[in-house]
């Protein structure tokens, strides 16, 4: 029995070390490009975002793994138990950008208190990343949230991704488009009357409206904050150049 408990403890420790190791690897990779303290803050903001998903999944009784980080891609948590209904999926999806926005807001107010430009830059990164994650197509968090309205909403995410790519070309967007392609096809073929869909997506209209309001309110807040903080950063840069 003692040997079994030791093996279980070692397994948990191994998972913790793996998660921590990928986190440190991300800090190292970002530090090579952006400097150490920005890298530490940036990875911490990603961690806060993933912590939101983790806590929400645990709250709903789902077995979930610790975050895994990949430099210049992001991070994710592994849901060992899939959500049993769309409301649970939407709640877990919403919790990440919601807590992530709190982290970005903390950086913003820390900047207001100290005047440290690094904190303003981190707040912008936090606001923008969480806004980016609200693109309404799976596997983005926005796709998981809007699924409670209808998976057909994901079809709106395709032109948004195309527009983002032309605005800011990125290999990450290409990767996300590849991952999203099967989900878009699923949305196109979605039949709400199919038994499996009727069971999973069955939810009261009031609950659909509630999550739609959560999604829109968070998206508007993040869009406004991303714009305002970006303007503040540009103004600081102009003052520095003068």
C-alpha atoms as a PDB file:
ATOM      1  CA  UNK A   1       0.000   0.000   0.000  1.00  0.00           C
ATOM      2  CA  UNK A   2       2.828   2.384   0.883  1.00  0.00           C
ATOM      3  CA  UNK A   3       4.543   1.602  -2.417  1.00  0.00           C
ATOM      4  CA  UNK A   4       1.304   2.299  -4.285  1.00  0.00           C
ATOM      5  CA  UNK A   5       0.842   5.633  -2.534  1.00  0.00           C
ATOM      6  CA  UNK A   6       4.445   6.531  -3.318  1.00  0.00           C
ATOM      7  CA  UNK A   7       3.871   5.795  -7.015  1.00  0.00           C
ATOM      8  CA  UNK A   8       0.711   7.902  -7.036  1.00  0.00           C
ATOM      9  CA  UNK A   9       2.541  10.774  -5.366  1.00  0.00           C
ATOM     10  CA  UNK A  10       5.389  10.438  -7.858  1.00  0.00           C
ATOM     11  CA  UNK A  11       2.893  10.555 -10.730  1.00  0.00           C
ATOM     12  CA  UNK A  12       1.358  13.770  -9.432  1.00  0.00           C
ATOM     13  CA  UNK A  13       4.822  15.209  -8.834  1.00  0.00           C
ATOM     14  CA  UNK A  14       5.839  14.259 -12.363  1.00  0.00           C
ATOM     15  CA  UNK A  15       2.830  16.070 -13.817  1.00  0.00           C
ATOM     16  CA  UNK A  16       3.621  19.132 -11.715  1.00  0.00           C
ATOM     17  CA  UNK A  17       7.256  19.086 -12.826  1.00  0.00           C
ATOM     18  CA  UNK A  18       6.247  18.693 -16.474  1.00  0.00           C
ATOM     19  CA  UNK A  19       3.821  21.616 -16.281  1.00  0.00           C
ATOM     20  CA  UNK A  20       6.366  23.769 -14.455  1.00  0.00           C
ATOM     21  CA  UNK A  21       9.082  22.757 -16.899  1.00  0.00           C
ATOM     22  CA  UNK A  22       7.062  23.799 -19.946  1.00  0.00           C
ATOM     23  CA  UNK A  23       6.267  27.073 -18.176  1.00  0.00           C
ATOM     24  CA  UNK A  24       9.970  27.779 -17.542  1.00  0.00           C
ATOM     25  CA  UNK A  25      10.778  26.833 -21.138  1.00  0.00           C
ATOM     26  CA  UNK A  26       8.244  29.391 -22.340  1.00  0.00           C
ATOM     27  CA  UNK A  27       9.738  32.059 -20.076  1.00  0.00           C
ATOM     28  CA  UNK A  28      13.191  31.297 -21.497  1.00  0.00           C
ATOM     29  CA  UNK A  29      11.973  31.415 -25.117  1.00  0.00           C
ATOM     30  CA  UNK A  30      10.061  34.683 -24.681  1.00  0.00           C
ATOM     31  CA  UNK A  31      12.970  36.204 -22.750  1.00  0.00           C
ATOM     32  CA  UNK A  32      15.251  35.723 -25.757  1.00  0.00           C
ATOM     33  CA  UNK A  33      12.956  37.989 -27.778  1.00  0.00           C
ATOM     34  CA  UNK A  34      11.312  40.355 -25.284  1.00  0.00           C
ATOM     35  CA  UNK A  35      13.538  40.359 -22.200  1.00  0.00           C
ATOM     36  CA  UNK A  36      13.266  38.470 -18.932  1.00  0.00           C
ATOM     37  CA  UNK A  37      10.713  40.485 -16.962  1.00  0.00           C
ATOM     38  CA  UNK A  38       8.297  40.860 -19.842  1.00  0.00           C
ATOM     39  CA  UNK A  39       8.577  37.105 -20.426  1.00  0.00           C
ATOM     40  CA  UNK A  40       7.861  36.351 -16.771  1.00  0.00           C
ATOM     41  CA  UNK A  41       4.824  38.632 -16.750  1.00  0.00           C
ATOM     42  CA  UNK A  42       3.530  37.380 -20.092  1.00  0.00           C
ATOM     43  CA  UNK A  43       3.722  33.709 -19.113  1.00  0.00           C
ATOM     44  CA  UNK A  44       2.132  34.561 -15.755  1.00  0.00           C
ATOM     45  CA  UNK A  45      -0.821  36.123 -17.602  1.00  0.00           C
ATOM     46  CA  UNK A  46      -1.202  32.977 -19.710  1.00  0.00           C
ATOM     47  CA  UNK A  47      -1.081  30.921 -16.527  1.00  0.00           C
ATOM     48  CA  UNK A  48      -3.850  33.023 -14.957  1.00  0.00           C
ATOM     49  CA  UNK A  49      -5.976  32.470 -18.074  1.00  0.00           C
ATOM     50  CA  UNK A  50      -5.466  28.706 -17.909  1.00  0.00           C
ATOM     51  CA  UNK A  51      -6.081  28.740 -14.179  1.00  0.00           C
ATOM     52  CA  UNK A  52      -9.557  30.067 -14.912  1.00  0.00           C
ATOM     53  CA  UNK A  53     -10.285  27.031 -17.091  1.00  0.00           C
ATOM     54  CA  UNK A  54      -8.765  24.700 -14.498  1.00  0.00           C
ATOM     55  CA  UNK A  55     -10.785  26.037 -11.574  1.00  0.00           C
ATOM     56  CA  UNK A  56     -14.038  26.075 -13.568  1.00  0.00           C
ATOM     57  CA  UNK A  57     -13.504  22.478 -14.704  1.00  0.00           C
ATOM     58  CA  UNK A  58     -12.770  21.344 -11.156  1.00  0.00           C
ATOM     59  CA  UNK A  59     -15.823  23.224  -9.902  1.00  0.00           C
ATOM     60  CA  UNK A  60     -17.982  21.229 -12.329  1.00  0.00           C
ATOM     61  CA  UNK A  61     -16.422  17.955 -11.192  1.00  0.00           C
ATOM     62  CA  UNK A  62     -14.320  17.340 -14.323  1.00  0.00           C
ATOM     63  CA  UNK A  63     -10.955  15.591 -14.152  1.00  0.00           C
ATOM     64  CA  UNK A  64      -8.473  18.085 -15.573  1.00  0.00           C
ATOM     65  CA  UNK A  65      -4.707  18.202 -15.971  1.00  0.00           C
ATOM     66  CA  UNK A  66      -2.288  21.001 -15.186  1.00  0.00           C
ATOM     67  CA  UNK A  67      -1.468  23.539 -17.928  1.00  0.00           C
ATOM     68  CA  UNK A  68       1.024  22.665 -20.643  1.00  0.00           C
ATOM     69  CA  UNK A  69       2.883  25.586 -22.237  1.00  0.00           C
ATOM     70  CA  UNK A  70       4.283  25.841 -25.767  1.00  0.00           C
ATOM     71  CA  UNK A  71       6.396  28.928 -26.567  1.00  0.00           C
ATOM     72  CA  UNK A  72       4.816  31.311 -29.102  1.00  0.00           C
ATOM     73  CA  UNK A  73       1.676  29.152 -29.249  1.00  0.00           C
ATOM     74  CA  UNK A  74       0.228  29.471 -25.770  1.00  0.00           C
ATOM     75  CA  UNK A  75      -0.979  26.872 -23.287  1.00  0.00           C
ATOM     76  CA  UNK A  76      -3.844  24.511 -22.659  1.00  0.00           C
ATOM     77  CA  UNK A  77      -5.259  22.253 -19.998  1.00  0.00           C
ATOM     78  CA  UNK A  78      -6.219  18.678 -20.772  1.00  0.00           C
ATOM     79  CA  UNK A  79      -9.818  17.832 -19.943  1.00  0.00           C
ATOM     80  CA  UNK A  80      -9.679  14.140 -19.073  1.00  0.00           C
ATOM     81  CA  UNK A  81     -13.452  14.211 -18.590  1.00  0.00           C
ATOM     82  CA  UNK A  82     -15.378  15.872 -21.397  1.00  0.00           C
ATOM     83  CA  UNK A  83     -18.228  18.218 -20.446  1.00  0.00           C
ATOM     84  CA  UNK A  84     -21.572  16.420 -20.217  1.00  0.00           C
ATOM     85  CA  UNK A  85     -23.567  19.337 -21.615  1.00  0.00           C
ATOM     86  CA  UNK A  86     -23.034  22.559 -23.525  1.00  0.00           C
ATOM     87  CA  UNK A  87     -23.587  24.796 -20.477  1.00  0.00           C
ATOM     88  CA  UNK A  88     -20.644  23.165 -18.691  1.00  0.00           C
ATOM     89  CA  UNK A  89     -18.512  23.583 -21.827  1.00  0.00           C
ATOM     90  CA  UNK A  90     -19.497  27.255 -22.063  1.00  0.00           C
ATOM     91  CA  UNK A  91     -18.736  27.862 -18.374  1.00  0.00           C
ATOM     92  CA  UNK A  92     -15.268  26.299 -18.593  1.00  0.00           C
ATOM     93  CA  UNK A  93     -14.600  28.236 -21.810  1.00  0.00           C
ATOM     94  CA  UNK A  94     -15.723  31.540 -20.306  1.00  0.00           C
ATOM     95  CA  UNK A  95     -13.694  31.189 -17.102  1.00  0.00           C
ATOM     96  CA  UNK A  96     -10.328  31.409 -18.910  1.00  0.00           C
ATOM     97  CA  UNK A  97     -10.720  34.814 -20.601  1.00  0.00           C
ATOM     98  CA  UNK A  98     -12.691  36.070 -17.588  1.00  0.00           C
ATOM     99  CA  UNK A  99      -9.906  35.397 -15.070  1.00  0.00           C
ATOM    100  CA  UNK A 100      -7.322  36.335 -17.708  1.00  0.00           C
ATOM    101  CA  UNK A 101      -8.997  39.736 -18.036  1.00  0.00           C
ATOM    102  CA  UNK A 102      -8.734  40.189 -14.264  1.00  0.00           C
ATOM    103  CA  UNK A 103      -4.995  39.520 -14.551  1.00  0.00           C
ATOM    104  CA  UNK A 104      -4.625  42.074 -17.343  1.00  0.00           C
ATOM    105  CA  UNK A 105      -6.664  44.587 -15.362  1.00  0.00           C
ATOM    106  CA  UNK A 106      -4.385  44.053 -12.358  1.00  0.00           C
ATOM    107  CA  UNK A 107      -1.373  44.941 -14.532  1.00  0.00           C
ATOM    108  CA  UNK A 108      -3.199  48.022 -15.797  1.00  0.00           C
ATOM    109  CA  UNK A 109      -3.972  49.346 -12.325  1.00  0.00           C
ATOM    110  CA  UNK A 110      -0.455  48.488 -11.151  1.00  0.00           C
ATOM    111  CA  UNK A 111       0.802  50.701 -13.987  1.00  0.00           C
ATOM    112  CA  UNK A 112      -1.542  53.492 -12.916  1.00  0.00           C
ATOM    113  CA  UNK A 113      -0.101  53.236  -9.400  1.00  0.00           C
ATOM    114  CA  UNK A 114       3.573  53.004 -10.354  1.00  0.00           C
ATOM    115  CA  UNK A 115       3.943  54.462 -13.865  1.00  0.00           C
ATOM    116  CA  UNK A 116       6.040  51.419 -14.870  1.00  0.00           C
ATOM    117  CA  UNK A 117       5.769  51.043 -18.689  1.00  0.00           C
ATOM    118  CA  UNK A 118       6.392  47.299 -18.523  1.00  0.00           C
ATOM    119  CA  UNK A 119       3.142  46.845 -16.624  1.00  0.00           C
ATOM    120  CA  UNK A 120       1.210  48.773 -19.274  1.00  0.00           C
ATOM    121  CA  UNK A 121       2.750  46.620 -22.014  1.00  0.00           C
ATOM    122  CA  UNK A 122       1.768  43.478 -20.112  1.00  0.00           C
ATOM    123  CA  UNK A 123      -1.762  44.722 -19.606  1.00  0.00           C
ATOM    124  CA  UNK A 124      -2.110  45.303 -23.356  1.00  0.00           C
ATOM    125  CA  UNK A 125      -0.831  41.788 -24.047  1.00  0.00           C
ATOM    126  CA  UNK A 126      -3.299  40.367 -21.551  1.00  0.00           C
ATOM    127  CA  UNK A 127      -6.293  42.272 -22.917  1.00  0.00           C
ATOM    128  CA  UNK A 128      -5.454  41.443 -26.528  1.00  0.00           C
ATOM    129  CA  UNK A 129      -4.765  37.736 -25.944  1.00  0.00           C
ATOM    130  CA  UNK A 130      -8.036  37.259 -24.109  1.00  0.00           C
ATOM    131  CA  UNK A 131      -9.882  39.173 -26.831  1.00  0.00           C
ATOM    132  CA  UNK A 132      -8.185  37.011 -29.466  1.00  0.00           C
ATOM    133  CA  UNK A 133      -9.388  33.916 -27.626  1.00  0.00           C
ATOM    134  CA  UNK A 134     -12.982  35.099 -27.948  1.00  0.00           C
ATOM    135  CA  UNK A 135     -13.051  34.473 -31.712  1.00  0.00           C
ATOM    136  CA  UNK A 136     -16.336  32.548 -32.019  1.00  0.00           C
ATOM    137  CA  UNK A 137     -15.072  29.276 -33.426  1.00  0.00           C
ATOM    138  CA  UNK A 138     -13.788  26.136 -31.715  1.00  0.00           C
ATOM    139  CA  UNK A 139     -11.039  25.471 -30.534  1.00  0.00           C
ATOM    140  CA  UNK A 140     -10.935  29.116 -29.351  1.00  0.00           C
ATOM    141  CA  UNK A 141     -12.616  29.831 -26.033  1.00  0.00           C
ATOM    142  CA  UNK A 142     -15.127  31.961 -27.910  1.00  0.00           C
ATOM    143  CA  UNK A 143     -16.245  28.876 -29.817  1.00  0.00           C
ATOM    144  CA  UNK A 144     -16.831  26.971 -26.589  1.00  0.00           C
ATOM    145  CA  UNK A 145     -18.836  29.871 -25.143  1.00  0.00           C
ATOM    146  CA  UNK A 146     -20.963  30.555 -28.214  1.00  0.00           C
ATOM    147  CA  UNK A 147     -21.702  26.853 -28.680  1.00  0.00           C
ATOM    148  CA  UNK A 148     -24.442  27.321 -26.093  1.00  0.00           C
ATOM    149  CA  UNK A 149     -26.169  29.714 -28.521  1.00  0.00           C
ATOM    150  CA  UNK A 150     -25.586  27.427 -31.507  1.00  0.00           C
ATOM    151  CA  UNK A 151     -22.528  25.831 -33.147  1.00  0.00           C
ATOM    152  CA  UNK A 152     -23.630  27.662 -36.295  1.00  0.00           C
ATOM    153  CA  UNK A 153     -22.269  30.838 -34.683  1.00  0.00           C
ATOM    154  CA  UNK A 154     -18.831  29.368 -35.404  1.00  0.00           C
ATOM    155  CA  UNK A 155     -19.382  30.191 -39.079  1.00  0.00           C
ATOM    156  CA  UNK A 156     -18.961  33.858 -38.096  1.00  0.00           C
ATOM    157  CA  UNK A 157     -15.484  33.073 -36.814  1.00  0.00           C
ATOM    158  CA  UNK A 158     -14.125  32.141 -40.253  1.00  0.00           C
ATOM    159  CA  UNK A 159     -14.237  35.673 -41.765  1.00  0.00           C
ATOM    160  CA  UNK A 160     -12.845  37.072 -38.493  1.00  0.00           C
ATOM    161  CA  UNK A 161      -9.844  34.771 -38.739  1.00  0.00           C
ATOM    162  CA  UNK A 162      -9.300  35.690 -42.387  1.00  0.00           C
ATOM    163  CA  UNK A 163      -9.512  39.391 -41.533  1.00  0.00           C
ATOM    164  CA  UNK A 164      -7.045  38.986 -38.667  1.00  0.00           C
ATOM    165  CA  UNK A 165      -4.622  37.167 -40.938  1.00  0.00           C
ATOM    166  CA  UNK A 166      -4.624  40.002 -43.482  1.00  0.00           C
ATOM    167  CA  UNK A 167      -4.286  42.554 -40.668  1.00  0.00           C
ATOM    168  CA  UNK A 168      -1.573  40.700 -38.748  1.00  0.00           C
ATOM    169  CA  UNK A 169      -0.228  37.685 -40.709  1.00  0.00           C
ATOM    170  CA  UNK A 170       0.840  34.986 -38.273  1.00  0.00           C
ATOM    171  CA  UNK A 171       1.767  31.279 -38.478  1.00  0.00           C
ATOM    172  CA  UNK A 172      -0.310  30.821 -35.313  1.00  0.00           C
ATOM    173  CA  UNK A 173      -3.436  31.888 -37.195  1.00  0.00           C
ATOM    174  CA  UNK A 174      -2.688  29.325 -39.892  1.00  0.00           C
ATOM    175  CA  UNK A 175      -2.355  26.632 -37.228  1.00  0.00           C
ATOM    176  CA  UNK A 176      -5.606  27.696 -35.580  1.00  0.00           C
ATOM    177  CA  UNK A 177      -7.358  27.737 -38.955  1.00  0.00           C
ATOM    178  CA  UNK A 178      -6.264  24.134 -39.556  1.00  0.00           C
ATOM    179  CA  UNK A 179      -7.574  23.132 -36.122  1.00  0.00           C
ATOM    180  CA  UNK A 180     -10.803  25.063 -36.685  1.00  0.00           C
ATOM    181  CA  UNK A 181     -11.554  23.625 -40.145  1.00  0.00           C
ATOM    182  CA  UNK A 182     -13.231  20.397 -38.889  1.00  0.00           C
ATOM    183  CA  UNK A 183     -15.285  22.433 -36.404  1.00  0.00           C
ATOM    184  CA  UNK A 184     -16.479  24.766 -39.152  1.00  0.00           C
ATOM    185  CA  UNK A 185     -17.558  21.762 -41.186  1.00  0.00           C
ATOM    186  CA  UNK A 186     -19.333  20.429 -38.112  1.00  0.00           C
ATOM    187  CA  UNK A 187     -21.113  23.768 -37.710  1.00  0.00           C
ATOM    188  CA  UNK A 188     -22.142  23.739 -41.378  1.00  0.00           C
ATOM    189  CA  UNK A 189     -23.624  20.248 -41.025  1.00  0.00           C
ATOM    190  CA  UNK A 190     -25.112  20.869 -37.568  1.00  0.00           C
ATOM    191  CA  UNK A 191     -28.568  19.354 -37.115  1.00  0.00           C
ATOM    192  CA  UNK A 192     -30.171  20.474 -33.839  1.00  0.00           C
ATOM    193  CA  UNK A 193     -32.801  17.742 -34.181  1.00  0.00           C
ATOM    194  CA  UNK A 194     -30.254  14.898 -34.151  1.00  0.00           C
ATOM    195  CA  UNK A 195     -30.646  12.927 -30.887  1.00  0.00           C
ATOM    196  CA  UNK A 196     -27.034  13.415 -29.757  1.00  0.00           C
ATOM    197  CA  UNK A 197     -27.232  17.148 -30.452  1.00  0.00           C
ATOM    198  CA  UNK A 198     -30.642  17.534 -28.840  1.00  0.00           C
ATOM    199  CA  UNK A 199     -29.287  15.949 -25.647  1.00  0.00           C
ATOM    200  CA  UNK A 200     -26.010  17.856 -25.473  1.00  0.00           C
ATOM    201  CA  UNK A 201     -27.253  21.280 -26.602  1.00  0.00           C
ATOM    202  CA  UNK A 202     -30.563  21.242 -24.724  1.00  0.00           C
ATOM    203  CA  UNK A 203     -30.677  24.396 -22.582  1.00  0.00           C
ATOM    204  CA  UNK A 204     -33.238  26.974 -21.515  1.00  0.00           C
ATOM    205  CA  UNK A 205     -33.492  30.071 -23.776  1.00  0.00           C
ATOM    206  CA  UNK A 206     -32.804  32.282 -20.745  1.00  0.00           C
ATOM    207  CA  UNK A 207     -29.479  30.494 -20.223  1.00  0.00           C
ATOM    208  CA  UNK A 208     -28.535  31.022 -23.880  1.00  0.00           C
ATOM    209  CA  UNK A 209     -29.285  34.728 -23.501  1.00  0.00           C
ATOM    210  CA  UNK A 210     -27.291  34.872 -20.264  1.00  0.00           C
ATOM    211  CA  UNK A 211     -24.146  33.477 -21.873  1.00  0.00           C
ATOM    212  CA  UNK A 212     -24.631  35.618 -24.973  1.00  0.00           C
ATOM    213  CA  UNK A 213     -24.628  38.700 -22.721  1.00  0.00           C
ATOM    214  CA  UNK A 214     -21.549  37.446 -20.836  1.00  0.00           C
ATOM    215  CA  UNK A 215     -19.754  36.930 -24.134  1.00  0.00           C
ATOM    216  CA  UNK A 216     -20.698  40.301 -25.634  1.00  0.00           C
ATOM    217  CA  UNK A 217     -19.932  42.232 -22.434  1.00  0.00           C
ATOM    218  CA  UNK A 218     -16.500  40.625 -22.089  1.00  0.00           C
ATOM    219  CA  UNK A 219     -15.686  41.084 -25.789  1.00  0.00           C
ATOM    220  CA  UNK A 220     -16.659  44.771 -25.702  1.00  0.00           C
ATOM    221  CA  UNK A 221     -14.693  45.369 -22.502  1.00  0.00           C
ATOM    222  CA  UNK A 222     -11.572  43.697 -23.887  1.00  0.00           C
ATOM    223  CA  UNK A 223     -11.859  45.507 -27.235  1.00  0.00           C
ATOM    224  CA  UNK A 224     -12.153  48.895 -25.523  1.00  0.00           C
ATOM    225  CA  UNK A 225      -9.284  48.198 -23.129  1.00  0.00           C
ATOM    226  CA  UNK A 226      -7.056  46.829 -25.901  1.00  0.00           C
ATOM    227  CA  UNK A 227      -7.647  49.964 -27.969  1.00  0.00           C
ATOM    228  CA  UNK A 228      -7.186  52.399 -25.076  1.00  0.00           C
ATOM    229  CA  UNK A 229      -4.023  50.750 -23.761  1.00  0.00           C
ATOM    230  CA  UNK A 230      -2.570  50.544 -27.262  1.00  0.00           C
ATOM    231  CA  UNK A 231      -3.162  54.288 -27.646  1.00  0.00           C
ATOM    232  CA  UNK A 232      -1.463  54.899 -24.293  1.00  0.00           C
ATOM    233  CA  UNK A 233       1.558  52.860 -25.369  1.00  0.00           C
ATOM    234  CA  UNK A 234       1.836  54.746 -28.655  1.00  0.00           C
ATOM    235  CA  UNK A 235       1.569  58.068 -26.803  1.00  0.00           C
ATOM    236  CA  UNK A 236       4.352  57.004 -24.428  1.00  0.00           C
ATOM    237  CA  UNK A 237       6.517  56.010 -27.394  1.00  0.00           C
ATOM    238  CA  UNK A 238       5.961  59.395 -29.074  1.00  0.00           C
ATOM    239  CA  UNK A 239       6.920  61.201 -25.892  1.00  0.00           C
ATOM    240  CA  UNK A 240      10.033  59.039 -25.616  1.00  0.00           C
ATOM    241  CA  UNK A 241      11.031  59.774 -29.224  1.00  0.00           C
ATOM    242  CA  UNK A 242      10.595  63.529 -28.651  1.00  0.00           C
END
